[in-house]
């Protein structure tokens, strides 16, 4: 499951692009339907607490603020998207960049929802699969759809990268 070095830059571009599409989707939900997204400053706050040995919070919103938490959160958000894309390209041995296929990218994007459900949300105090939020079903559905959009973004951005790989000398 190694990734060829020549595809690493393409996978980075796909990860950034897919994450950006996901963010545009969340912006659309916020502006049109007033459905908020995860505040990535809270992700940064959680990460900034880890060096102090705190991995899990009752409520990340109630945890003490940390310096640069917003910058750390946004950088982590895009880094996670890139890592997911690198994983996808590695799983497909680079084929996803040379000959993108919609369904594998879509299913992979959907599968990535296990990370917020079972790692991030519990660590932030939201419970497994947002079980401690005011509207858990809505939060779960939003996470699922958002990661579906990420999968669509993987495919769309891989199409763009595949174009550049084909014209490469």
Protein backbone atom coordinates (compact mmCIF):
# COMPACT_ATOMS: atom_id res chain seq x y z
CA UNK A 1 0.00 0.00 0.00
CA UNK A 2 2.83 2.36 -0.88
CA UNK A 3 2.30 5.50 -2.94
CA UNK A 4 4.63 6.22 -5.82
CA UNK A 5 6.55 9.44 -5.14
CA UNK A 6 5.44 10.86 -8.49
CA UNK A 7 1.81 10.72 -7.33
CA UNK A 8 2.34 12.34 -3.93
CA UNK A 9 1.99 15.91 -5.22
CA UNK A 10 -1.14 14.95 -7.13
CA UNK A 11 -2.62 13.38 -4.01
CA UNK A 12 -1.85 16.56 -2.03
CA UNK A 13 -3.66 18.63 -4.68
CA UNK A 14 -6.63 16.23 -4.59
CA UNK A 15 -6.78 16.42 -0.80
CA UNK A 16 -6.70 20.20 -0.74
CA UNK A 17 -9.29 20.42 -3.50
CA UNK A 18 -11.66 17.88 -1.93
CA UNK A 19 -11.38 19.63 1.45
CA UNK A 20 -12.06 22.98 -0.19
CA UNK A 21 -15.17 21.56 -1.88
CA UNK A 22 -16.31 20.25 1.50
CA UNK A 23 -15.79 23.72 2.99
CA UNK A 24 -17.75 25.33 0.17
CA UNK A 25 -20.57 22.85 0.84
CA UNK A 26 -20.55 23.79 4.52
CA UNK A 27 -20.54 27.48 3.63
CA UNK A 28 -23.57 26.88 1.40
CA UNK A 29 -25.38 25.09 4.25
CA UNK A 30 -24.57 27.95 6.62
CA UNK A 31 -25.62 30.75 4.26
CA UNK A 32 -28.72 29.14 2.74
CA UNK A 33 -30.08 26.95 5.56
CA UNK A 34 -28.34 28.45 8.62
CA UNK A 35 -26.82 25.03 9.42
CA UNK A 36 -23.51 25.61 11.21
CA UNK A 37 -20.36 23.63 10.56
CA UNK A 38 -17.75 22.47 13.04
CA UNK A 39 -15.78 25.43 14.28
CA UNK A 40 -12.24 24.43 13.31
CA UNK A 41 -10.94 26.63 16.12
CA UNK A 42 -12.37 23.96 18.44
CA UNK A 43 -10.40 21.31 16.54
CA UNK A 44 -7.33 23.47 17.09
CA UNK A 45 -8.16 23.89 20.78
CA UNK A 46 -8.42 20.11 21.14
CA UNK A 47 -5.08 19.61 19.38
CA UNK A 48 -3.43 22.34 21.47
CA UNK A 49 -4.56 20.57 24.67
CA UNK A 50 -3.02 17.23 23.64
CA UNK A 51 0.59 18.17 24.55
CA UNK A 52 -0.68 18.76 28.09
CA UNK A 53 -1.98 15.20 28.19
CA UNK A 54 -5.65 16.05 27.67
CA UNK A 55 -7.07 13.93 24.86
CA UNK A 56 -10.74 13.97 25.75
CA UNK A 57 -13.03 16.76 26.92
CA UNK A 58 -16.44 16.88 28.51
CA UNK A 59 -17.05 19.98 26.39
CA UNK A 60 -14.37 21.39 24.13
CA UNK A 61 -16.28 24.70 24.04
CA UNK A 62 -15.85 25.00 27.83
CA UNK A 63 -12.14 24.08 27.72
CA UNK A 64 -9.67 26.93 28.18
CA UNK A 65 -8.80 28.69 24.94
CA UNK A 66 -5.30 28.20 23.57
CA UNK A 67 -3.12 30.49 21.52
CA UNK A 68 -3.25 29.98 17.75
CA UNK A 69 -6.08 27.45 18.10
CA UNK A 70 -7.86 28.72 14.97
CA UNK A 71 -4.73 28.55 12.80
CA UNK A 72 -3.91 25.10 14.19
CA UNK A 73 -7.49 23.92 13.60
CA UNK A 74 -7.66 25.09 10.00
CA UNK A 75 -4.19 23.72 9.22
CA UNK A 76 -5.17 20.39 10.78
CA UNK A 77 -8.44 20.31 8.81
CA UNK A 78 -6.60 20.62 5.48
CA UNK A 79 -3.81 18.29 6.61
CA UNK A 80 -6.41 15.64 7.46
CA UNK A 81 -7.96 16.07 3.99
CA UNK A 82 -4.54 15.60 2.39
CA UNK A 83 -3.81 12.53 4.54
CA UNK A 84 -7.16 11.02 3.55
CA UNK A 85 -6.37 11.69 -0.13
CA UNK A 86 -2.90 10.15 0.23
CA UNK A 87 -4.56 7.10 1.76
CA UNK A 88 -6.99 6.87 -1.12
CA UNK A 89 -4.26 7.17 -3.74
CA UNK A 90 -2.18 4.58 -1.88
CA UNK A 91 -5.12 2.16 -1.69
CA UNK A 92 -5.64 2.46 -5.44
CA UNK A 93 -1.88 2.24 -6.20
CA UNK A 94 -2.15 5.57 -8.00
CA UNK A 95 -4.90 4.42 -10.38
CA UNK A 96 -7.25 6.99 -8.85
CA UNK A 97 -5.01 9.70 -10.29
CA UNK A 98 -4.47 8.16 -13.71
CA UNK A 99 -7.98 6.91 -14.34
CA UNK A 100 -10.37 8.32 -11.72
CA UNK A 101 -13.48 6.31 -10.94
CA UNK A 102 -16.49 7.86 -9.24
CA UNK A 103 -17.76 5.05 -7.00
CA UNK A 104 -14.49 4.17 -5.25
CA UNK A 105 -13.88 7.85 -4.47
CA UNK A 106 -17.45 8.29 -3.26
CA UNK A 107 -17.36 5.20 -1.04
CA UNK A 108 -13.95 6.14 0.36
CA UNK A 109 -15.22 9.63 1.20
CA UNK A 110 -18.25 8.14 2.94
CA UNK A 111 -16.02 5.71 4.85
CA UNK A 112 -13.96 8.59 6.26
CA UNK A 113 -16.96 9.55 8.41
CA UNK A 114 -15.83 6.91 10.90
CA UNK A 115 -13.08 9.28 12.05
CA UNK A 116 -15.34 12.10 13.25
CA UNK A 117 -17.93 9.62 14.57
CA UNK A 118 -15.54 7.54 16.65
CA UNK A 119 -12.51 9.76 17.29
CA UNK A 120 -13.14 13.49 16.96
CA UNK A 121 -16.71 13.84 18.21
CA UNK A 122 -16.12 11.74 21.36
CA UNK A 123 -12.85 13.58 22.04
CA UNK A 124 -14.58 16.96 21.79
CA UNK A 125 -17.31 15.88 24.20
CA UNK A 126 -20.01 15.38 21.56
CA UNK A 127 -20.24 11.61 22.19
CA UNK A 128 -19.88 8.73 19.77
CA UNK A 129 -21.51 9.76 16.50
CA UNK A 130 -22.66 13.05 18.04
CA UNK A 131 -24.83 11.23 20.59
CA UNK A 132 -24.46 14.05 23.14
CA UNK A 133 -25.43 16.88 20.81
CA UNK A 134 -28.86 18.54 20.94
CA UNK A 135 -29.84 17.00 17.56
CA UNK A 136 -27.76 13.84 17.09
CA UNK A 137 -29.60 12.58 14.01
CA UNK A 138 -29.15 15.92 12.26
CA UNK A 139 -25.46 16.04 13.25
CA UNK A 140 -24.90 12.48 11.99
CA UNK A 141 -26.64 13.17 8.71
CA UNK A 142 -24.66 16.37 8.24
CA UNK A 143 -21.38 14.52 8.87
CA UNK A 144 -22.37 11.76 6.47
CA UNK A 145 -23.36 14.18 3.70
CA UNK A 146 -20.27 16.32 4.26
CA UNK A 147 -18.00 13.29 3.90
CA UNK A 148 -19.98 12.24 0.83
CA UNK A 149 -19.18 15.66 -0.64
CA UNK A 150 -15.54 15.04 0.26
CA UNK A 151 -15.70 11.79 -1.75
CA UNK A 152 -17.20 13.65 -4.71
CA UNK A 153 -14.39 16.16 -4.32
CA UNK A 154 -11.80 13.36 -4.40
CA UNK A 155 -13.20 12.22 -7.73
CA UNK A 156 -13.56 15.71 -9.24
CA UNK A 157 -10.09 16.79 -8.20
CA UNK A 158 -8.57 13.49 -9.34
CA UNK A 159 -10.08 14.17 -12.76
CA UNK A 160 -8.20 17.48 -12.83
CA UNK A 161 -4.97 15.91 -11.67
CA UNK A 162 -5.32 13.06 -14.19
CA UNK A 163 -5.47 15.66 -16.96
CA UNK A 164 -2.15 17.13 -15.85
CA UNK A 165 -0.56 13.70 -15.45
CA UNK A 166 -1.53 12.79 -19.02
CA UNK A 167 0.04 15.93 -20.51
CA UNK A 168 3.20 15.59 -18.44
CA UNK A 169 6.25 15.07 -20.69
